[in-house]
Structure formats: C-alpha cells, structure tokens
Protein backbone atom coordinates (compact mmCIF):
# COMPACT_ATOMS: atom_id res chain seq x y z
CA MET A 1 -32.55 15.58 169.11
CA GLN A 2 -34.01 16.34 172.52
CA PHE A 3 -34.56 12.65 173.08
CA ILE A 4 -30.90 11.76 172.28
CA TYR A 5 -29.79 14.61 174.52
CA SER A 6 -31.81 13.16 177.39
CA LEU A 7 -30.19 9.73 177.00
CA PHE A 8 -26.73 11.06 177.71
CA THR A 9 -27.71 13.66 180.34
CA PRO A 10 -28.10 12.80 184.02
CA SER A 11 -31.63 12.64 185.31
CA GLU A 12 -31.06 15.23 188.07
CA ARG A 13 -29.99 17.75 185.54
CA LEU A 14 -32.91 16.96 183.36
CA LEU A 15 -35.29 17.26 186.31
CA SER A 16 -33.77 20.54 187.30
CA ARG A 17 -34.00 21.79 183.81
CA GLU A 18 -37.67 20.74 183.50
CA MET A 19 -38.45 22.38 186.79
CA VAL A 20 -36.91 25.60 185.55
CA ARG A 21 -38.90 25.37 182.39
CA ASN A 22 -42.07 24.71 184.39
CA GLU A 23 -41.40 27.74 186.56
CA ILE A 24 -40.85 29.85 183.51
CA ALA A 25 -44.08 28.52 182.00
CA ARG A 26 -45.92 29.08 185.32
CA THR A 27 -44.58 32.61 185.48
CA LYS A 28 -45.72 33.29 181.95
CA LEU A 29 -49.12 31.73 182.73
CA SER A 30 -49.50 33.89 185.84
CA ALA A 31 -48.53 36.97 183.86
CA ALA A 32 -50.98 36.02 181.13
CA ARG A 33 -53.69 35.43 183.77
CA LEU A 34 -53.01 38.78 185.39
CA GLN A 35 -53.08 40.46 182.03
CA HIS A 36 -56.37 38.68 181.23
CA GLU A 37 -57.86 39.74 184.55
CA ALA A 38 -56.75 43.29 183.98
CA GLU A 39 -58.14 43.33 180.48
CA LYS A 40 -61.38 41.75 181.74
CA GLU A 41 -61.71 44.34 184.49
CA PHE A 42 -60.99 47.09 181.99
CA MET A 43 -63.62 45.70 179.63
CA GLU A 44 -66.17 45.47 182.43
CA LYS A 45 -65.48 49.06 183.40
CA GLU A 46 -65.82 50.12 179.79
CA MET A 47 -69.06 48.17 179.43
CA GLN A 48 -70.39 49.73 182.65
CA LYS A 49 -69.42 53.14 181.36
CA ILE A 50 -71.12 52.46 178.06
CA ASP A 51 -74.23 51.17 179.88
CA ASN A 52 -74.34 54.29 182.01
CA GLU A 53 -73.99 56.47 178.96
CA MET A 54 -76.70 54.51 177.16
CA ARG A 55 -79.00 54.78 180.18
CA ALA A 56 -78.36 58.51 180.44
CA LYS A 57 -79.07 58.95 176.75
CA GLU A 58 -82.25 56.87 177.06
CA GLU A 59 -83.41 58.99 179.97
CA SER A 60 -82.57 62.13 178.03
CA TYR A 61 -84.42 60.86 174.99
CA ALA A 62 -87.37 59.86 177.18
CA ALA A 63 -87.45 63.31 178.77
CA GLN A 64 -87.34 64.95 175.35
CA ALA A 65 -89.96 62.59 173.96
CA LYS A 66 -92.39 62.96 176.89
CA PRO A 67 -94.03 66.20 175.58
CA LEU A 68 -94.26 64.64 172.15
CA LEU A 69 -95.86 61.54 173.63
CA ASP A 70 -98.29 63.70 175.59
CA ASP A 71 -99.18 65.55 172.41
CA PHE A 72 -99.55 62.26 170.63
CA ASN A 73 -101.82 61.00 173.41
CA ASP A 74 -103.90 64.17 173.16
CA ILE A 75 -104.09 63.77 169.40
CA SER A 76 -105.06 60.13 169.78
CA LEU A 77 -107.71 61.03 172.36
CA ALA A 78 -109.00 63.83 170.15
CA GLN A 79 -109.10 61.47 167.21
CA HIS A 80 -111.06 59.00 169.32
CA TYR A 81 -113.54 61.69 170.36
CA TYR A 82 -113.77 62.90 166.77
CA GLN A 83 -114.57 59.41 165.60
CA GLU A 84 -117.18 59.02 168.34
CA VAL A 85 -118.77 62.37 167.49
CA GLY A 86 -118.67 61.54 163.80
CA THR A 87 -120.36 58.22 164.46
CA THR A 88 -123.01 59.88 166.63
CA LEU A 89 -123.68 62.58 164.04
CA ALA A 90 -123.86 60.01 161.29
CA SER A 91 -126.41 58.01 163.28
CA GLN A 92 -128.41 61.15 164.01
CA VAL A 93 -128.34 62.18 160.36
CA HIS A 94 -129.52 58.72 159.42
CA LEU A 95 -132.30 58.90 162.02
CA VAL A 96 -133.37 62.35 160.85
CA SER A 97 -133.36 61.16 157.26
CA GLN A 98 -135.57 58.25 158.23
CA ARG A 99 -137.91 60.57 160.09
CA VAL A 100 -138.07 62.95 157.15
CA GLU A 101 -138.87 60.09 154.80
CA ARG A 102 -141.46 58.80 157.22
CA GLU A 103 -142.96 62.26 157.62
CA LEU A 104 -143.17 62.64 153.87
CA GLU A 105 -144.73 59.22 153.53
CA GLU A 106 -147.05 59.07 156.55
CA PHE A 107 -147.49 62.65 157.73
CA GLY A 108 -147.29 64.39 154.38
CA TYR A 109 -150.99 63.99 153.78
CA THR A 110 -151.82 65.38 157.23
CA SER A 111 -149.48 68.35 156.77
CA LYS A 112 -150.94 69.17 153.37
CA LYS A 113 -154.42 68.78 154.79
CA LEU A 114 -153.68 71.17 157.65
CA ILE A 115 -152.19 73.72 155.25
CA SER A 116 -155.21 73.45 152.96
CA VAL A 117 -157.65 73.84 155.86
CA GLY A 118 -155.66 76.80 157.19
CA LEU A 119 -155.70 78.59 153.84
CA ASN A 120 -159.41 77.98 153.33
CA TYR A 121 -160.08 79.13 156.90
CA GLU A 122 -158.21 82.40 156.31
CA ALA A 123 -160.14 82.96 153.07
CA LEU A 124 -163.44 82.31 154.88
CA LYS A 125 -162.44 84.64 157.71
CA HIS A 126 -161.54 87.40 155.25
CA LYS A 127 -164.86 87.09 153.40
CA MET A 128 -166.85 87.08 156.65
CA LYS A 129 -165.05 90.10 158.09
CA ALA A 130 -165.50 92.01 154.83
CA GLY A 131 -169.22 91.21 154.62
CA LEU A 132 -168.79 89.43 151.27
CA PRO A 133 -170.50 86.21 150.10
CA PHE A 134 -168.67 83.25 151.62
CA ASN A 135 -170.60 80.16 150.48
CA GLU A 136 -167.74 78.80 148.35
CA GLU A 137 -165.17 79.32 151.09
CA LEU A 138 -167.47 77.72 153.68
CA SER A 139 -168.00 74.69 151.44
CA ALA A 140 -164.23 74.38 150.96
CA VAL A 141 -163.60 74.51 154.72
CA LEU A 142 -166.27 71.91 155.46
CA LYS A 143 -164.97 69.66 152.69
CA ASP A 144 -161.36 69.83 153.89
CA ALA A 145 -162.18 69.61 157.60
CA GLU A 146 -164.20 66.40 157.23
CA SER A 147 -165.58 66.98 160.74
CA GLU A 148 -169.13 66.42 161.91
CA ASP A 149 -168.64 68.97 164.70
CA VAL A 150 -167.59 71.69 162.26
CA ASN A 151 -170.58 70.86 160.05
CA LEU A 152 -172.86 71.13 163.08
CA VAL A 153 -171.45 74.52 164.11
CA ALA A 154 -171.62 75.79 160.52
CA ALA A 155 -175.20 74.60 159.94
CA PRO A 156 -176.84 78.05 160.52
CA LEU A 157 -174.43 79.69 158.09
CA LYS A 158 -175.32 77.42 155.19
CA TYR A 159 -178.47 79.47 154.60
CA ILE A 160 -176.75 82.87 154.91
CA ASN A 161 -175.14 84.64 152.00
CA SER A 162 -173.02 87.15 153.92
CA ILE A 163 -172.34 88.49 157.41
CA PRO A 164 -173.70 91.99 158.16
CA SER A 165 -171.03 94.55 158.92
CA PRO A 166 -170.53 95.84 162.49
CA ALA A 167 -171.97 99.19 161.39
CA VAL A 168 -175.24 97.56 160.37
CA VAL A 169 -175.36 95.65 163.65
CA ARG A 170 -174.83 98.88 165.60
CA VAL A 171 -177.62 100.63 163.66
CA THR A 172 -180.14 97.87 164.38
CA ALA A 173 -178.95 97.74 167.99
CA PHE A 174 -179.45 101.49 168.35
CA ASN A 175 -182.96 101.21 166.91
CA LEU A 176 -183.78 98.38 169.31
CA GLY A 177 -182.38 100.33 172.26
CA ARG A 178 -184.52 103.34 171.34
CA ALA A 179 -187.57 101.08 170.97
CA ILE A 180 -186.90 99.61 174.43
CA VAL A 181 -186.69 103.11 175.95
CA GLU A 182 -189.88 104.22 174.20
CA ALA A 183 -191.66 101.07 175.34
CA GLY A 184 -190.53 101.79 178.90
CA LYS A 185 -191.79 105.38 178.79
CA ALA A 186 -195.34 104.48 177.81
CA PRO A 187 -197.62 102.77 180.32
CA ALA A 188 -198.43 99.14 179.72
CA ALA A 189 -201.28 98.48 177.35
CA GLU A 190 -204.53 97.54 179.02
CA PRO A 191 -205.59 93.99 178.24
CA VAL A 192 -208.85 93.34 176.45
CA ARG A 193 -211.55 93.01 179.06
CA GLY A 194 -214.71 91.00 179.08
CA ILE A 195 -218.04 92.02 180.58
CA LEU A 196 -217.24 90.28 183.86
CA ASP A 197 -213.97 92.25 184.25
CA PHE A 198 -215.98 95.43 184.89
CA PHE A 199 -217.15 94.01 188.21
CA LYS A 200 -213.57 93.37 189.44
CA PHE A 201 -211.61 95.83 191.56
CA ARG A 202 -208.54 97.12 189.72
CA THR A 203 -205.80 99.63 190.51
CA SER A 204 -204.43 102.04 187.97
CA LEU A 205 -200.69 102.25 187.15
CA SER A 206 -199.04 104.53 189.70
CA PRO A 207 -196.43 107.18 188.70
CA THR A 208 -193.85 105.37 190.81
CA MET A 209 -194.30 102.16 188.84
CA LEU A 210 -194.07 104.12 185.60
CA VAL A 211 -190.79 105.77 186.66
CA SER A 212 -189.42 102.39 187.74
CA ARG A 213 -190.37 100.95 184.35
CA GLN A 214 -188.60 103.84 182.58
CA LEU A 215 -185.45 103.42 184.70
CA ARG A 216 -185.35 99.69 183.97
CA ALA A 217 -185.69 100.42 180.26
CA LEU A 218 -182.90 103.02 180.33
CA LYS A 219 -180.62 100.70 182.30
CA SER A 220 -181.33 97.80 179.93
CA GLU A 221 -180.67 100.02 176.92
CA ALA A 222 -177.32 101.24 178.32
CA GLU A 223 -176.16 97.72 179.17
CA PHE A 224 -177.37 96.41 175.82
CA LEU A 225 -175.53 99.08 173.81
CA ARG A 226 -172.42 98.58 175.93
CA PHE A 227 -172.34 94.90 174.96
CA VAL A 228 -172.77 95.86 171.30
CA GLU A 229 -169.94 98.41 171.40
CA ARG A 230 -167.61 95.82 172.94
CA GLY A 231 -168.50 93.29 170.25
CA GLU A 232 -170.12 90.91 172.76
CA TYR A 233 -173.02 90.24 170.45
CA HIS A 234 -174.06 86.98 172.09
CA ARG A 235 -174.49 88.73 175.45
CA ALA A 236 -176.31 91.61 173.77
CA LEU A 237 -178.69 89.17 172.06
CA SER A 238 -179.34 87.31 175.31
CA LEU A 239 -180.11 90.57 177.14
CA ALA A 240 -182.32 91.79 174.29
CA GLU A 241 -184.33 88.57 174.36
CA ASP A 242 -184.84 88.85 178.14
CA VAL A 243 -185.86 92.52 177.96
CA TYR A 244 -188.15 91.89 174.99
CA ALA A 245 -189.84 88.98 176.76
CA GLY A 246 -190.29 91.07 179.92
CA LEU A 247 -191.82 93.99 178.04
CA LYS A 248 -194.13 91.67 176.16
CA ARG A 249 -195.32 90.15 179.45
CA GLU A 250 -195.97 93.58 180.94
CA GLY A 251 -197.64 94.76 177.77
CA VAL A 252 -196.49 97.38 175.27
CA LYS A 253 -198.77 99.99 173.71
CA ASP A 254 -196.97 100.24 170.36
CA ALA A 255 -195.79 96.62 170.19
CA ALA A 256 -195.27 96.71 166.41
CA VAL A 257 -192.32 99.10 166.68
CA LEU A 258 -190.65 96.97 169.36
CA ASP A 259 -191.33 93.76 167.41
CA GLU A 260 -189.89 95.21 164.22
CA ALA A 261 -186.77 96.58 165.97
CA PHE A 262 -186.17 93.32 167.85
CA GLY A 263 -186.68 91.24 164.70
CA ALA A 264 -184.30 93.44 162.68
CA PHE A 265 -181.61 93.23 165.36
CA ARG A 266 -182.06 89.49 165.72
CA ARG A 267 -181.86 88.92 161.96
CA THR A 268 -178.72 91.06 161.85
CA VAL A 269 -176.88 89.75 164.87
CA LEU A 270 -177.62 86.02 164.57
CA PRO A 271 -175.41 85.58 161.46
CA THR A 272 -172.68 87.58 163.19
CA VAL A 273 -172.83 85.39 166.31
CA ALA A 274 -172.94 82.20 164.23
CA GLY A 275 -170.00 83.36 162.11
CA ASP A 276 -167.97 84.31 165.17
CA MET A 277 -168.68 80.92 166.77
CA LEU A 278 -167.63 79.11 163.59
CA LEU A 279 -164.40 81.11 163.24
CA ARG A 280 -163.50 80.55 166.89
CA TYR A 281 -164.26 76.84 166.70
CA CYS A 282 -162.32 76.42 163.46
CA ALA A 283 -159.31 78.30 164.86
CA ALA A 284 -159.30 76.19 168.04
CA SER A 285 -159.73 72.93 166.09
CA LEU A 286 -156.97 73.89 163.65
CA CYS A 287 -154.55 74.73 166.47
CA ALA A 288 -155.39 71.47 168.26
CA ALA A 289 -154.85 69.48 165.06
CA ARG A 290 -151.50 71.17 164.46
CA PHE A 291 -150.31 70.48 167.99
CA ALA A 292 -151.48 66.88 167.76
CA CYS A 293 -149.62 66.42 164.46
CA VAL A 294 -146.39 67.88 165.88
CA GLU A 295 -146.72 65.83 169.08
CA ASN A 296 -147.23 62.65 167.09
CA MET A 297 -144.16 63.40 164.96
CA LEU A 298 -142.00 64.06 168.05
CA LYS A 299 -143.18 60.84 169.69
CA GLU A 300 -142.20 58.90 166.60
C-alpha cells in the first residue's frame, strides 16, 4: 500500500515526508540515548554507593573481627608451644625410660652391690662399737667388697674376736701412765758390771737429773692420757712406744711392771686402732664408690 502510494505522490513530498520521519526517529533516538545515559549514570551512582557500603561493612567487620583474630593467633601460638612442649616432654620421658631401663640392666648390679656392702658395713660397725664378736660381719664385708686394699687393711682384724670397749682401753692406759710415772720416779737401774768396770771413773745420778726424769715422766703421762681421752689412740700408742723405748734405754728398776702395763695397753689398743682404720677406710671407699656410680650414671 505504501509502495502504490509512492507511485502517485510527487517525489518532493515523499522526500519531505521521509525527512520528517527521520527527524522524528532521530528525536526519539536522542531521547532514548539521553534516557540510557541517565539510567547508566544512575546505575553507576548506585553501584558506587553499594561499593562504598560494602567497603564500609567490610571495614566494620574487619574491625570487629580483629580482636577475634588476635585471640585466634594467640590460641594458635599457644597450641604450637603446647605441641612443642609436649614433644619435648615426650622425648624426655622416653630418654628417662631408656636410662631407667639401662640403669636396671647395667647399673642394677652395682647399686645392689653398694647397698649390700653398706648394710654389711653398718652391721660390722655396730658389732665393733658394741664390743661384740664381728667375724661373720667382717667376712661378709670382705666378700662383698671384693677389694684387695680392704683385705689388706682388715688383715690384723682377722685374728681378733672382738674390739675392747673404750672403758677397757682407758683402764689399761691409766695403768700404763701410772707405770710410766713410777718408772720416772725411781733412779735408773745400774747395769751389770764386770771386774774391769770397777777401775773406771763413774758419776752417780744427781738429784737434778732425777727431778728432770720425773718431770719428763709426768709430762709424758699427761700427754698420753690426753690422747686417750680424746680417742686419738694411734697418737697415744705412738707416744707410749717412744716413752717406753726411752725408759728402757735409760734403764728401769722394776721393768716387769712397765713391761706388763705397756703390753696390756698395746694388746688392748691395737685392735681398736685397726678397727678404726678399717671403718674409716670402708666408709671412704663406700662413699667414693657411690659418687663414682652416680657420676657414671649422669654421664650416660
């Protein structure tokens, strides 16, 4: 229909009409473009607004979550430390278990041996201090110790049944001290002379020499008894031997009394000195063995 209409309509009119239609279409297109631009600008503003709101909410959420994250970090760090400590403790427990097993396997015999020696030593010490027979206890100590040095120190005690009490030692010491004083009071015995000795010039013992001899005897007795009272029997025995030898060189009138007193004291004090030496040596050896055992265990 439009085609037939164009055949009978002048071209100027048709051109004018098309131009009008084009203007109308252009106007509509411009309006549509403007509307599109406006809608696009509105959408961009809305999107910007939404982005700003989202960013603000994210920042707010981040600010609220920061303490929680810090707590979480602390918890994570604590968990890490806990795991490390747990691992360390587990390794230490394992190491201690290994050491205990090793101690039971390798050092168990030594520990039992030390305990046995210690118990036998205490039993021997008790019997010696009480003045009771101690042969069985001494044999047990020597058997457990398995030491040539201990056997050497204990050799004098193998032939002794018991240790004299301190009271007995003091009695014999007092008798010896009195014998020393009595020997110092009397002048030295004259030696047996031959027929030729009568032609030699001799001087008699002066009172001054006799007083000096008495003073030496009293001083020796006091020092000797002081050693005995302090329990220093080895020093008392050494002093008694020196004094006895000196008196015997100078000569003693009644030598039998001095000999008997010295012999009684010596027979009484020698077991005491030997027992004291053995107890001291055993105590020192036992302490050294214990320290060595502990040191060896710690080094392992």
